[in-house]
Amino acid sequence: MDDSRSATRTEQETAFALRAAVEAAVYAPSVHNTQPWSFVIEDDEIALRADTDRKLRVGDAEGRELAISCGAALFTVRLTLRALGYEPLVSVLPDPDRLSLLATVRLGENTRPDEDTRTMRAEVERRRTHRAGFTELPVPDRLIDALAAEAGAEGARLTPVRSPAAVRVVASLTSAAQDVQSQDRVFSLEVIRWARPPGSTRKDGVPAEAYPREPRRTSPHFPQRDYAKGHSWGNDADQFVSTSTGAVALLTTEGDSRQDWIAAGQALQRVLLHASGRGVAAAFHTQALEMFHLREFLRQELCSGEYPQMIMRLGFSFDETAAVRRPVGEVLEER
């Protein structure tokens, strides 16, 4: 084979890998499924940008949840490239004068993906956000410990909340925040903006099929967002066996900068994919984290001074809803 054909093949392989990484990244979790990201592929580099038009102006004024969402997408890019046999070279917040540019990723040396990489990559499109109770089957402690190790590998801390009293505190703060936010008309309108009614053809937001029409209460109860807001939306799945709270865990970081938020997002996605590969789903609760005083209370009383970035419940479920994502053509620019 002559050099020109070899070079052409290399360019094609590079282009394929970069596009495949973006195609996988769109499956990352995001607040209200806003999918607040865009990508640019130029030469051998992917640029990840924040789509600030999709930021929650009321619930996420500082952009913390947007950055966490994009961090989850960034981890998916890294994971996909590694699964394809390339070492990703990542630069986070590479240009202080371009605030929307969150990271760049280039192809490094060839590498051989290990079993964990292949397992997590297989879960990218299978993983789903859960919005109800779990079955009574407990999540093994050894798996929780493994998930904590995965978060630690990305510079964050995943702490299981094992004390019943502490679980009640987290549930109470979540309920208090949900009650306050539901009385705020502007806040409620922002949530409703990202609610998809039955039959909607939108490719973003939370579809009505993604939560039960009449969810059963868990004990202690962790309320979900009210996306239906008075409508009889939701799926009719039998919730008879979905009454367990599951294992409650807090994802924290030592700092609270944009870089910490992106790291939290990468840790979150790593935890979720590892859990999904073991049949464990996650439900998110960010209500209390969107209110400064409640978040600060959590930080001081339950997080040993670290900053809580996500409250989650982990457990086993029968959730089989379809993923709703924008097509790659809407989020990718190729130069």
C-alpha atoms as a PDB file:
ATOM      1  CA  MET A   1       0.000   0.000   0.000  1.00  0.00           C
ATOM      2  CA  ASP A   2       1.454   3.363  -0.965  1.00  0.00           C
ATOM      3  CA  ASP A   3       1.877   6.255   1.516  1.00  0.00           C
ATOM      4  CA  SER A   4      -0.968   8.332   0.080  1.00  0.00           C
ATOM      5  CA  ARG A   5      -3.522   5.545   0.547  1.00  0.00           C
ATOM      6  CA  SER A   6      -2.202   4.928   4.066  1.00  0.00           C
ATOM      7  CA  ALA A   7      -2.557   8.637   4.902  1.00  0.00           C
ATOM      8  CA  THR A   8      -6.064   8.711   3.455  1.00  0.00           C
ATOM      9  CA  ARG A   9      -7.054   5.700   5.502  1.00  0.00           C
ATOM     10  CA  THR A  10      -5.679   7.343   8.639  1.00  0.00           C
ATOM     11  CA  GLU A  11      -7.717  10.482   8.019  1.00  0.00           C
ATOM     12  CA  GLN A  12     -10.849   8.398   7.524  1.00  0.00           C
ATOM     13  CA  GLU A  13     -10.231   6.455  10.716  1.00  0.00           C
ATOM     14  CA  THR A  14      -9.701   9.698  12.611  1.00  0.00           C
ATOM     15  CA  ALA A  15     -12.874  11.227  11.222  1.00  0.00           C
ATOM     16  CA  PHE A  16     -14.837   8.074  12.057  1.00  0.00           C
ATOM     17  CA  ALA A  17     -13.574   7.971  15.648  1.00  0.00           C
ATOM     18  CA  LEU A  18     -14.288  11.636  16.342  1.00  0.00           C
ATOM     19  CA  ARG A  19     -17.797  11.481  14.924  1.00  0.00           C
ATOM     20  CA  ALA A  20     -18.517   8.238  16.793  1.00  0.00           C
ATOM     21  CA  ALA A  21     -17.463   9.961  20.023  1.00  0.00           C
ATOM     22  CA  VAL A  22     -19.946  12.791  19.437  1.00  0.00           C
ATOM     23  CA  GLU A  23     -22.693  10.366  18.440  1.00  0.00           C
ATOM     24  CA  ALA A  24     -22.200   8.637  21.801  1.00  0.00           C
ATOM     25  CA  ALA A  25     -21.902  11.877  23.789  1.00  0.00           C
ATOM     26  CA  VAL A  26     -25.447  12.971  22.948  1.00  0.00           C
ATOM     27  CA  TYR A  27     -26.697  10.096  25.129  1.00  0.00           C
ATOM     28  CA  ALA A  28     -25.202  11.629  28.260  1.00  0.00           C
ATOM     29  CA  PRO A  29     -27.649  12.611  31.016  1.00  0.00           C
ATOM     30  CA  SER A  30     -28.557  16.286  31.389  1.00  0.00           C
ATOM     31  CA  VAL A  31     -30.801  18.315  33.654  1.00  0.00           C
ATOM     32  CA  HIS A  32     -34.395  18.004  32.348  1.00  0.00           C
ATOM     33  CA  ASN A  33     -32.838  16.397  29.258  1.00  0.00           C
ATOM     34  CA  THR A  34     -31.954  19.880  28.022  1.00  0.00           C
ATOM     35  CA  GLN A  35     -28.891  18.488  26.190  1.00  0.00           C
ATOM     36  CA  PRO A  36     -27.041  21.806  26.659  1.00  0.00           C
ATOM     37  CA  TRP A  37     -24.023  21.090  24.480  1.00  0.00           C
ATOM     38  CA  SER A  38     -22.619  21.520  21.012  1.00  0.00           C
ATOM     39  CA  PHE A  39     -19.523  20.086  19.341  1.00  0.00           C
ATOM     40  CA  VAL A  40     -17.081  21.184  16.659  1.00  0.00           C
ATOM     41  CA  ILE A  41     -14.804  18.709  14.886  1.00  0.00           C
ATOM     42  CA  GLU A  42     -11.787  20.283  13.241  1.00  0.00           C
ATOM     43  CA  ASP A  43      -8.782  18.258  12.078  1.00  0.00           C
ATOM     44  CA  ASP A  44      -8.114  15.718  14.843  1.00  0.00           C
ATOM     45  CA  GLU A  45      -9.868  17.602  17.653  1.00  0.00           C
ATOM     46  CA  ILE A  46     -13.328  17.776  19.207  1.00  0.00           C
ATOM     47  CA  ALA A  47     -14.344  21.023  20.894  1.00  0.00           C
ATOM     48  CA  LEU A  48     -17.117  20.729  23.495  1.00  0.00           C
ATOM     49  CA  ARG A  49     -19.122  23.905  23.970  1.00  0.00           C
ATOM     50  CA  ALA A  50     -21.884  24.882  26.354  1.00  0.00           C
ATOM     51  CA  ASP A  51     -25.141  25.766  24.626  1.00  0.00           C
ATOM     52  CA  THR A  52     -26.199  28.588  26.926  1.00  0.00           C
ATOM     53  CA  ASP A  53     -29.537  28.985  25.139  1.00  0.00           C
ATOM     54  CA  ARG A  54     -30.468  25.744  26.899  1.00  0.00           C
ATOM     55  CA  LYS A  55     -29.389  26.846  30.362  1.00  0.00           C
ATOM     56  CA  LEU A  56     -32.029  27.016  33.092  1.00  0.00           C
ATOM     57  CA  ARG A  57     -32.133  30.749  33.773  1.00  0.00           C
ATOM     58  CA  VAL A  58     -34.062  30.347  37.020  1.00  0.00           C
ATOM     59  CA  GLY A  59     -33.086  26.962  38.422  1.00  0.00           C
ATOM     60  CA  ASP A  60     -29.440  27.055  37.282  1.00  0.00           C
ATOM     61  CA  ALA A  61     -28.475  30.701  37.070  1.00  0.00           C
ATOM     62  CA  GLU A  62     -24.761  30.008  37.675  1.00  0.00           C
ATOM     63  CA  GLY A  63     -24.648  27.207  35.103  1.00  0.00           C
ATOM     64  CA  ARG A  64     -23.584  24.520  37.581  1.00  0.00           C
ATOM     65  CA  GLU A  65     -26.010  21.897  36.306  1.00  0.00           C
ATOM     66  CA  LEU A  66     -25.228  22.820  32.708  1.00  0.00           C
ATOM     67  CA  ALA A  67     -21.518  22.228  33.364  1.00  0.00           C
ATOM     68  CA  ILE A  68     -22.246  18.898  35.086  1.00  0.00           C
ATOM     69  CA  SER A  69     -24.340  17.828  32.094  1.00  0.00           C
ATOM     70  CA  CYS A  70     -21.538  18.755  29.692  1.00  0.00           C
ATOM     71  CA  GLY A  71     -19.033  16.985  31.932  1.00  0.00           C
ATOM     72  CA  ALA A  72     -21.068  13.795  31.507  1.00  0.00           C
ATOM     73  CA  ALA A  73     -20.890  14.286  27.728  1.00  0.00           C
ATOM     74  CA  LEU A  74     -17.132  14.853  27.959  1.00  0.00           C
ATOM     75  CA  PHE A  75     -16.612  11.576  29.792  1.00  0.00           C
ATOM     76  CA  THR A  76     -18.631   9.803  27.102  1.00  0.00           C
ATOM     77  CA  VAL A  77     -16.354  11.263  24.419  1.00  0.00           C
ATOM     78  CA  ARG A  78     -13.290  10.050  26.315  1.00  0.00           C
ATOM     79  CA  LEU A  79     -14.778   6.618  26.906  1.00  0.00           C
ATOM     80  CA  THR A  80     -15.776   6.137  23.268  1.00  0.00           C
ATOM     81  CA  LEU A  81     -12.378   7.119  21.932  1.00  0.00           C
ATOM     82  CA  ARG A  82     -10.679   4.762  24.357  1.00  0.00           C
ATOM     83  CA  ALA A  83     -13.073   1.962  23.383  1.00  0.00           C
ATOM     84  CA  LEU A  84     -12.125   2.570  19.743  1.00  0.00           C
ATOM     85  CA  GLY A  85      -8.447   2.206  20.576  1.00  0.00           C
ATOM     86  CA  TYR A  86      -7.296   5.808  21.036  1.00  0.00           C
ATOM     87  CA  GLU A  87      -5.996   7.539  24.133  1.00  0.00           C
ATOM     88  CA  PRO A  88      -7.964  10.807  24.488  1.00  0.00           C
ATOM     89  CA  LEU A  89      -5.938  13.948  25.197  1.00  0.00           C
ATOM     90  CA  VAL A  90      -8.224  16.304  27.113  1.00  0.00           C
ATOM     91  CA  SER A  91      -7.891  19.972  27.969  1.00  0.00           C
ATOM     92  CA  VAL A  92     -10.608  21.337  30.282  1.00  0.00           C
ATOM     93  CA  LEU A  93     -11.449  25.055  30.056  1.00  0.00           C
ATOM     94  CA  PRO A  94      -8.543  25.645  27.649  1.00  0.00           C
ATOM     95  CA  ASP A  95      -9.271  29.300  26.871  1.00  0.00           C
ATOM     96  CA  PRO A  96     -10.343  31.732  29.636  1.00  0.00           C
ATOM     97  CA  ASP A  97     -11.494  34.216  26.996  1.00  0.00           C
ATOM     98  CA  ARG A  98     -13.980  31.713  25.513  1.00  0.00           C
ATOM     99  CA  LEU A  99     -16.296  30.865  28.383  1.00  0.00           C
ATOM    100  CA  SER A 100     -18.525  28.584  26.347  1.00  0.00           C
ATOM    101  CA  LEU A 101     -15.580  26.366  25.355  1.00  0.00           C
ATOM    102  CA  LEU A 102     -15.553  23.742  28.088  1.00  0.00           C
ATOM    103  CA  ALA A 103     -13.035  21.245  26.734  1.00  0.00           C
ATOM    104  CA  THR A 104     -11.083  20.014  23.757  1.00  0.00           C
ATOM    105  CA  VAL A 105     -10.260  16.376  23.047  1.00  0.00           C
ATOM    106  CA  ARG A 106      -7.615  15.121  20.616  1.00  0.00           C
ATOM    107  CA  LEU A 107      -6.585  11.640  19.598  1.00  0.00           C
ATOM    108  CA  GLY A 108      -3.462  10.400  21.323  1.00  0.00           C
ATOM    109  CA  GLU A 109      -1.576   7.150  20.976  1.00  0.00           C
ATOM    110  CA  ASN A 110      -3.250   3.886  20.097  1.00  0.00           C
ATOM    111  CA  THR A 111      -4.334   1.893  23.126  1.00  0.00           C
ATOM    112  CA  ARG A 112      -6.048  -1.391  23.850  1.00  0.00           C
ATOM    113  CA  PRO A 113      -9.393  -0.944  25.653  1.00  0.00           C
ATOM    114  CA  ASP A 114      -9.820  -2.989  28.815  1.00  0.00           C
ATOM    115  CA  GLU A 115     -12.945  -4.913  29.802  1.00  0.00           C
ATOM    116  CA  ASP A 116     -14.353  -2.106  31.985  1.00  0.00           C
ATOM    117  CA  THR A 117     -14.056   0.341  29.093  1.00  0.00           C
ATOM    118  CA  ARG A 118     -15.883  -1.999  26.739  1.00  0.00           C
ATOM    119  CA  THR A 119     -18.582  -2.709  29.339  1.00  0.00           C
ATOM    120  CA  MET A 120     -19.232   0.959  30.067  1.00  0.00           C
ATOM    121  CA  ARG A 121     -19.246   1.837  26.373  1.00  0.00           C
ATOM    122  CA  ALA A 122     -21.953  -0.777  25.778  1.00  0.00           C
ATOM    123  CA  GLU A 123     -24.149   0.966  28.367  1.00  0.00           C
ATOM    124  CA  VAL A 124     -24.028   4.468  26.857  1.00  0.00           C
ATOM    125  CA  GLU A 125     -27.226   4.051  24.830  1.00  0.00           C
ATOM    126  CA  ARG A 126     -28.879   1.649  27.293  1.00  0.00           C
ATOM    127  CA  ARG A 127     -28.624   3.801  30.413  1.00  0.00           C
ATOM    128  CA  ARG A 128     -31.822   5.546  31.466  1.00  0.00           C
ATOM    129  CA  THR A 129     -32.701   8.076  34.152  1.00  0.00           C
ATOM    130  CA  HIS A 130     -35.251   6.573  36.545  1.00  0.00           C
ATOM    131  CA  ARG A 131     -38.116   8.657  37.963  1.00  0.00           C
ATOM    132  CA  ALA A 132     -39.907   6.415  40.446  1.00  0.00           C
ATOM    133  CA  GLY A 133     -39.283   3.984  43.290  1.00  0.00           C
ATOM    134  CA  PHE A 134     -37.170   0.866  43.008  1.00  0.00           C
ATOM    135  CA  THR A 135     -37.758  -2.799  43.720  1.00  0.00           C
ATOM    136  CA  GLU A 136     -36.902  -4.164  47.173  1.00  0.00           C
ATOM    137  CA  LEU A 137     -33.784  -5.889  45.846  1.00  0.00           C
ATOM    138  CA  PRO A 138     -30.907  -4.104  47.629  1.00  0.00           C
ATOM    139  CA  VAL A 139     -27.835  -2.758  45.873  1.00  0.00           C
ATOM    140  CA  PRO A 140     -24.865  -4.753  47.250  1.00  0.00           C
ATOM    141  CA  ASP A 141     -22.460  -2.794  49.442  1.00  0.00           C
ATOM    142  CA  ARG A 142     -19.532  -4.032  47.367  1.00  0.00           C
ATOM    143  CA  LEU A 143     -21.089  -2.462  44.279  1.00  0.00           C
ATOM    144  CA  ILE A 144     -21.614   0.843  46.116  1.00  0.00           C
ATOM    145  CA  ASP A 145     -17.941   0.736  47.114  1.00  0.00           C
ATOM    146  CA  ALA A 146     -16.982   0.046  43.493  1.00  0.00           C
ATOM    147  CA  LEU A 147     -19.050   3.017  42.332  1.00  0.00           C
ATOM    148  CA  ALA A 148     -17.332   5.211  44.920  1.00  0.00           C
ATOM    149  CA  ALA A 149     -13.978   4.138  43.492  1.00  0.00           C
ATOM    150  CA  GLU A 150     -15.158   5.051  39.982  1.00  0.00           C
ATOM    151  CA  ALA A 151     -16.132   8.545  41.149  1.00  0.00           C
ATOM    152  CA  GLY A 152     -12.793   8.937  42.903  1.00  0.00           C
ATOM    153  CA  ALA A 153     -10.976   8.175  39.662  1.00  0.00           C
ATOM    154  CA  GLU A 154     -12.526  11.356  38.224  1.00  0.00           C
ATOM    155  CA  GLY A 155     -11.693  13.581  41.188  1.00  0.00           C
ATOM    156  CA  ALA A 156     -15.066  13.464  42.929  1.00  0.00           C
ATOM    157  CA  ARG A 157     -16.438  11.634  45.954  1.00  0.00           C
ATOM    158  CA  LEU A 158     -19.502   9.387  46.009  1.00  0.00           C
ATOM    159  CA  THR A 159     -20.710   8.881  49.568  1.00  0.00           C
ATOM    160  CA  PRO A 160     -23.519   6.439  50.373  1.00  0.00           C
ATOM    161  CA  VAL A 161     -25.998   7.799  52.933  1.00  0.00           C
ATOM    162  CA  ARG A 162     -26.452   4.731  55.106  1.00  0.00           C
ATOM    163  CA  SER A 163     -27.841   6.262  58.298  1.00  0.00           C
ATOM    164  CA  PRO A 164     -31.682   6.156  58.254  1.00  0.00           C
ATOM    165  CA  ALA A 165     -31.740   9.528  60.012  1.00  0.00           C
ATOM    166  CA  ALA A 166     -29.469  11.092  57.383  1.00  0.00           C
ATOM    167  CA  VAL A 167     -31.606   9.620  54.583  1.00  0.00           C
ATOM    168  CA  ARG A 168     -34.661  11.221  56.182  1.00  0.00           C
ATOM    169  CA  VAL A 169     -32.841  14.559  56.300  1.00  0.00           C
ATOM    170  CA  VAL A 170     -31.966  14.405  52.582  1.00  0.00           C
ATOM    171  CA  ALA A 171     -35.532  13.352  51.726  1.00  0.00           C
ATOM    172  CA  SER A 172     -36.979  16.180  53.838  1.00  0.00           C
ATOM    173  CA  LEU A 173     -34.743  18.782  52.197  1.00  0.00           C
ATOM    174  CA  THR A 174     -35.727  17.463  48.776  1.00  0.00           C
ATOM    175  CA  SER A 175     -39.418  17.643  49.681  1.00  0.00           C
ATOM    176  CA  ALA A 176     -39.069  21.148  51.124  1.00  0.00           C
ATOM    177  CA  ALA A 177     -37.303  22.401  48.013  1.00  0.00           C
ATOM    178  CA  GLN A 178     -39.859  20.753  45.729  1.00  0.00           C
ATOM    179  CA  ASP A 179     -42.737  22.358  47.653  1.00  0.00           C
ATOM    180  CA  VAL A 180     -41.156  25.813  47.518  1.00  0.00           C
ATOM    181  CA  GLN A 181     -40.270  25.549  43.844  1.00  0.00           C
ATOM    182  CA  SER A 182     -43.739  24.297  42.905  1.00  0.00           C
ATOM    183  CA  GLN A 183     -45.192  27.502  44.354  1.00  0.00           C
ATOM    184  CA  ASP A 184     -42.866  29.679  42.284  1.00  0.00           C
ATOM    185  CA  ARG A 185     -44.653  30.403  39.015  1.00  0.00           C
ATOM    186  CA  VAL A 186     -41.526  31.385  37.066  1.00  0.00           C
ATOM    187  CA  PHE A 187     -39.632  28.344  38.289  1.00  0.00           C
ATOM    188  CA  SER A 188     -42.554  26.069  37.427  1.00  0.00           C
ATOM    189  CA  LEU A 189     -42.843  27.531  33.934  1.00  0.00           C
ATOM    190  CA  GLU A 190     -39.175  26.780  33.336  1.00  0.00           C
ATOM    191  CA  VAL A 191     -39.687  23.132  34.308  1.00  0.00           C
ATOM    192  CA  ILE A 192     -42.788  22.898  32.126  1.00  0.00           C
ATOM    193  CA  ARG A 193     -40.792  24.238  29.176  1.00  0.00           C
ATOM    194  CA  TRP A 194     -38.828  20.984  29.236  1.00  0.00           C
ATOM    195  CA  ALA A 195     -41.840  18.689  29.669  1.00  0.00           C
ATOM    196  CA  ARG A 196     -42.931  16.790  26.547  1.00  0.00           C
ATOM    197  CA  PRO A 197     -46.657  15.985  26.325  1.00  0.00           C
ATOM    198  CA  PRO A 198     -47.773  12.582  25.034  1.00  0.00           C
ATOM    199  CA  GLY A 199     -47.254  12.240  21.295  1.00  0.00           C
ATOM    200  CA  SER A 200     -44.715  15.074  21.109  1.00  0.00           C
ATOM    201  CA  THR A 201     -42.089  14.754  18.377  1.00  0.00           C
ATOM    202  CA  ARG A 202     -39.551  16.909  20.211  1.00  0.00           C
ATOM    203  CA  LYS A 203     -36.128  15.357  20.644  1.00  0.00           C
ATOM    204  CA  ASP A 204     -35.315  17.010  23.953  1.00  0.00           C
ATOM    205  CA  GLY A 205     -37.000  17.462  27.307  1.00  0.00           C
ATOM    206  CA  VAL A 206     -38.608  14.835  29.547  1.00  0.00           C
ATOM    207  CA  PRO A 207     -41.182  12.687  27.719  1.00  0.00           C
ATOM    208  CA  ALA A 208     -44.449  11.797  29.419  1.00  0.00           C
ATOM    209  CA  GLU A 209     -43.549   8.123  29.076  1.00  0.00           C
ATOM    210  CA  ALA A 210     -40.471   8.607  31.289  1.00  0.00           C
ATOM    211  CA  TYR A 211     -42.354   8.770  34.610  1.00  0.00           C
ATOM    212  CA  PRO A 212     -45.352   6.959  36.113  1.00  0.00           C
ATOM    213  CA  ARG A 213     -48.806   8.502  35.934  1.00  0.00           C
ATOM    214  CA  GLU A 214     -49.449   7.621  39.584  1.00  0.00           C
ATOM    215  CA  PRO A 215     -46.105   6.969  41.293  1.00  0.00           C
ATOM    216  CA  ARG A 216     -46.163   5.182  44.607  1.00  0.00           C
ATOM    217  CA  ARG A 217     -44.618   6.944  47.577  1.00  0.00           C
ATOM    218  CA  THR A 218     -41.402   5.590  48.986  1.00  0.00           C
ATOM    219  CA  SER A 219     -40.454   5.805  52.643  1.00  0.00           C
ATOM    220  CA  PRO A 220     -38.843   8.196  53.167  1.00  0.00           C
ATOM    221  CA  HIS A 221     -40.276   9.931  50.142  1.00  0.00           C
ATOM    222  CA  PHE A 222     -38.128  11.631  47.503  1.00  0.00           C
ATOM    223  CA  PRO A 223     -40.457  13.666  45.270  1.00  0.00           C
ATOM    224  CA  GLN A 224     -39.855  13.895  41.552  1.00  0.00           C
ATOM    225  CA  ARG A 225     -40.323  17.005  39.436  1.00  0.00           C
ATOM    226  CA  ASP A 226     -43.904  17.725  38.483  1.00  0.00           C
ATOM    227  CA  TYR A 227     -43.515  17.677  34.719  1.00  0.00           C
ATOM    228  CA  ALA A 228     -47.219  16.902  34.184  1.00  0.00           C
ATOM    229  CA  LYS A 229     -48.382  19.949  36.176  1.00  0.00           C
ATOM    230  CA  GLY A 230     -52.053  19.075  36.437  1.00  0.00           C
ATOM    231  CA  HIS A 231     -52.223  16.912  33.314  1.00  0.00           C
ATOM    232  CA  SER A 232     -52.833  13.175  33.431  1.00  0.00           C
ATOM    233  CA  TRP A 233     -49.498  12.485  31.773  1.00  0.00           C
ATOM    234  CA  GLY A 234     -47.169   9.614  32.550  1.00  0.00           C
ATOM    235  CA  ASN A 235     -46.943   5.938  31.777  1.00  0.00           C
ATOM    236  CA  ASP A 236     -49.294   3.310  33.153  1.00  0.00           C
ATOM    237  CA  ALA A 237     -46.598   0.900  34.292  1.00  0.00           C
ATOM    238  CA  ASP A 238     -47.558  -1.101  37.356  1.00  0.00           C
ATOM    239  CA  GLN A 239     -45.761   0.473  40.321  1.00  0.00           C
ATOM    240  CA  PHE A 240     -46.791  -2.218  42.800  1.00  0.00           C
ATOM    241  CA  VAL A 241     -43.235  -3.503  43.239  1.00  0.00           C
ATOM    242  CA  SER A 242     -41.537  -0.099  42.927  1.00  0.00           C
ATOM    243  CA  THR A 243     -41.869   1.134  46.486  1.00  0.00           C
ATOM    244  CA  SER A 244     -38.264   1.160  47.716  1.00  0.00           C
ATOM    245  CA  THR A 245     -36.248   4.355  48.065  1.00  0.00           C
ATOM    246  CA  GLY A 246     -33.131   2.479  47.020  1.00  0.00           C
ATOM    247  CA  ALA A 247     -29.613   3.402  48.091  1.00  0.00           C
ATOM    248  CA  VAL A 248     -29.149   7.149  48.583  1.00  0.00           C
ATOM    249  CA  ALA A 249     -25.783   8.656  47.685  1.00  0.00           C
ATOM    250  CA  LEU A 250     -24.240  12.123  47.479  1.00  0.00           C
ATOM    251  CA  LEU A 251     -21.734  13.123  44.807  1.00  0.00           C
ATOM    252  CA  THR A 252     -19.422  15.862  46.092  1.00  0.00           C
ATOM    253  CA  THR A 253     -16.282  17.779  45.141  1.00  0.00           C
ATOM    254  CA  GLU A 254     -13.722  19.584  47.291  1.00  0.00           C
ATOM    255  CA  GLY A 255     -14.148  22.826  45.358  1.00  0.00           C
ATOM    256  CA  ASP A 256     -17.043  24.507  43.599  1.00  0.00           C
ATOM    257  CA  SER A 257     -15.501  25.996  40.463  1.00  0.00           C
ATOM    258  CA  ARG A 258     -16.512  25.378  36.863  1.00  0.00           C
ATOM    259  CA  GLN A 259     -13.687  22.861  36.644  1.00  0.00           C
ATOM    260  CA  ASP A 260     -15.106  21.044  39.679  1.00  0.00           C
ATOM    261  CA  TRP A 261     -18.560  20.973  38.083  1.00  0.00           C
ATOM    262  CA  ILE A 262     -17.180  19.450  34.894  1.00  0.00           C
ATOM    263  CA  ALA A 263     -15.258  16.894  36.964  1.00  0.00           C
ATOM    264  CA  ALA A 264     -18.469  16.064  38.827  1.00  0.00           C
ATOM    265  CA  GLY A 265     -20.224  15.460  35.513  1.00  0.00           C
ATOM    266  CA  GLN A 266     -17.477  13.137  34.342  1.00  0.00           C
ATOM    267  CA  ALA A 267     -17.600  11.251  37.642  1.00  0.00           C
ATOM    268  CA  LEU A 268     -21.378  11.061  37.467  1.00  0.00           C
ATOM    269  CA  GLN A 269     -21.387   9.489  33.998  1.00  0.00           C
ATOM    270  CA  ARG A 270     -18.643   7.059  34.962  1.00  0.00           C
ATOM    271  CA  VAL A 271     -20.680   5.965  37.991  1.00  0.00           C
ATOM    272  CA  LEU A 272     -23.914   5.692  35.998  1.00  0.00           C
ATOM    273  CA  LEU A 273     -22.416   3.576  33.226  1.00  0.00           C
ATOM    274  CA  HIS A 274     -20.638   1.307  35.668  1.00  0.00           C
ATOM    275  CA  ALA A 275     -23.901   0.893  37.605  1.00  0.00           C
ATOM    276  CA  SER A 276     -25.942   0.310  34.450  1.00  0.00           C
ATOM    277  CA  GLY A 277     -23.594  -2.493  33.457  1.00  0.00           C
ATOM    278  CA  ARG A 278     -24.587  -4.210  36.712  1.00  0.00           C
ATOM    279  CA  GLY A 279     -28.306  -3.658  36.185  1.00  0.00           C
ATOM    280  CA  VAL A 280     -28.564  -0.680  38.560  1.00  0.00           C
ATOM    281  CA  ALA A 281     -30.432   2.502  37.592  1.00  0.00           C
ATOM    282  CA  ALA A 282     -30.267   5.965  39.143  1.00  0.00           C
ATOM    283  CA  ALA A 283     -32.829   8.621  40.013  1.00  0.00           C
ATOM    284  CA  PHE A 284     -31.639  12.213  40.436  1.00  0.00           C
ATOM    285  CA  HIS A 285     -32.840  14.851  42.896  1.00  0.00           C
ATOM    286  CA  THR A 286     -31.391  18.329  42.397  1.00  0.00           C
ATOM    287  CA  GLN A 287     -34.175  20.407  43.966  1.00  0.00           C
ATOM    288  CA  ALA A 288     -32.348  21.143  47.226  1.00  0.00           C
ATOM    289  CA  LEU A 289     -29.097  21.812  45.375  1.00  0.00           C
ATOM    290  CA  GLU A 290     -30.799  24.629  43.443  1.00  0.00           C
ATOM    291  CA  MET A 291     -31.478  26.547  46.660  1.00  0.00           C
ATOM    292  CA  PHE A 292     -28.376  28.102  48.225  1.00  0.00           C
ATOM    293  CA  HIS A 293     -29.330  27.724  51.893  1.00  0.00           C
ATOM    294  CA  LEU A 294     -30.385  24.085  51.544  1.00  0.00           C
ATOM    295  CA  ARG A 295     -27.287  23.202  49.556  1.00  0.00           C
ATOM    296  CA  GLU A 296     -25.115  24.907  52.148  1.00  0.00           C
ATOM    297  CA  PHE A 297     -26.890  23.011  54.930  1.00  0.00           C
ATOM    298  CA  LEU A 298     -26.140  19.744  53.151  1.00  0.00           C
ATOM    299  CA  ARG A 299     -22.526  20.744  52.631  1.00  0.00           C
ATOM    300  CA  GLN A 300     -21.931  21.534  56.278  1.00  0.00           C
ATOM    301  CA  GLU A 301     -24.047  18.850  57.938  1.00  0.00           C
ATOM    302  CA  LEU A 302     -23.767  15.786  55.681  1.00  0.00           C
ATOM    303  CA  CYS A 303     -20.915  16.374  53.234  1.00  0.00           C
ATOM    304  CA  SER A 304     -18.007  17.105  55.600  1.00  0.00           C
ATOM    305  CA  GLY A 305     -17.588  20.545  54.066  1.00  0.00           C
ATOM    306  CA  GLU A 306     -17.420  19.301  50.475  1.00  0.00           C
ATOM    307  CA  TYR A 307     -19.806  20.705  47.876  1.00  0.00           C
ATOM    308  CA  PRO A 308     -22.784  18.502  46.968  1.00  0.00           C
ATOM    309  CA  GLN A 309     -23.160  18.297  43.195  1.00  0.00           C
ATOM    310  CA  MET A 310     -25.778  15.538  42.909  1.00  0.00           C
ATOM    311  CA  ILE A 311     -28.232  13.679  45.114  1.00  0.00           C
ATOM    312  CA  MET A 312     -29.119  10.297  43.691  1.00  0.00           C
ATOM    313  CA  ARG A 313     -30.950   7.097  44.505  1.00  0.00           C
ATOM    314  CA  LEU A 314     -29.649   3.805  43.143  1.00  0.00           C
ATOM    315  CA  GLY A 315     -31.613   0.616  42.722  1.00  0.00           C
ATOM    316  CA  PHE A 316     -33.075  -2.066  40.500  1.00  0.00           C
ATOM    317  CA  SER A 317     -36.077  -1.262  38.313  1.00  0.00           C
ATOM    318  CA  PHE A 318     -38.080  -2.446  35.324  1.00  0.00           C
ATOM    319  CA  ASP A 319     -37.663   0.855  33.463  1.00  0.00           C
ATOM    320  CA  GLU A 320     -37.557   0.286  29.698  1.00  0.00           C
ATOM    321  CA  THR A 321     -38.410   3.734  28.320  1.00  0.00           C
ATOM    322  CA  ALA A 322     -36.848   4.813  25.034  1.00  0.00           C
ATOM    323  CA  ALA A 323     -34.132   7.462  24.978  1.00  0.00           C
ATOM    324  CA  VAL A 324     -35.023  10.845  23.483  1.00  0.00           C
ATOM    325  CA  ARG A 325     -32.073  12.686  21.946  1.00  0.00           C
ATOM    326  CA  ARG A 326     -31.503  15.334  19.306  1.00  0.00           C
ATOM    327  CA  PRO A 327     -29.889  14.092  16.091  1.00  0.00           C
ATOM    328  CA  VAL A 328     -26.170  14.593  15.850  1.00  0.00           C
ATOM    329  CA  GLY A 329     -26.633  17.023  12.975  1.00  0.00           C
ATOM    330  CA  GLU A 330     -28.213  19.525  15.364  1.00  0.00           C
ATOM    331  CA  VAL A 331     -25.292  19.581  17.795  1.00  0.00           C
ATOM    332  CA  LEU A 332     -22.258  18.981  15.575  1.00  0.00           C
ATOM    333  CA  GLU A 333     -20.351  21.286  13.265  1.00  0.00           C
ATOM    334  CA  GLU A 334     -17.619  19.712  11.141  1.00  0.00           C
ATOM    335  CA  ARG A 335     -14.930  21.879   9.595  1.00  0.00           C
END
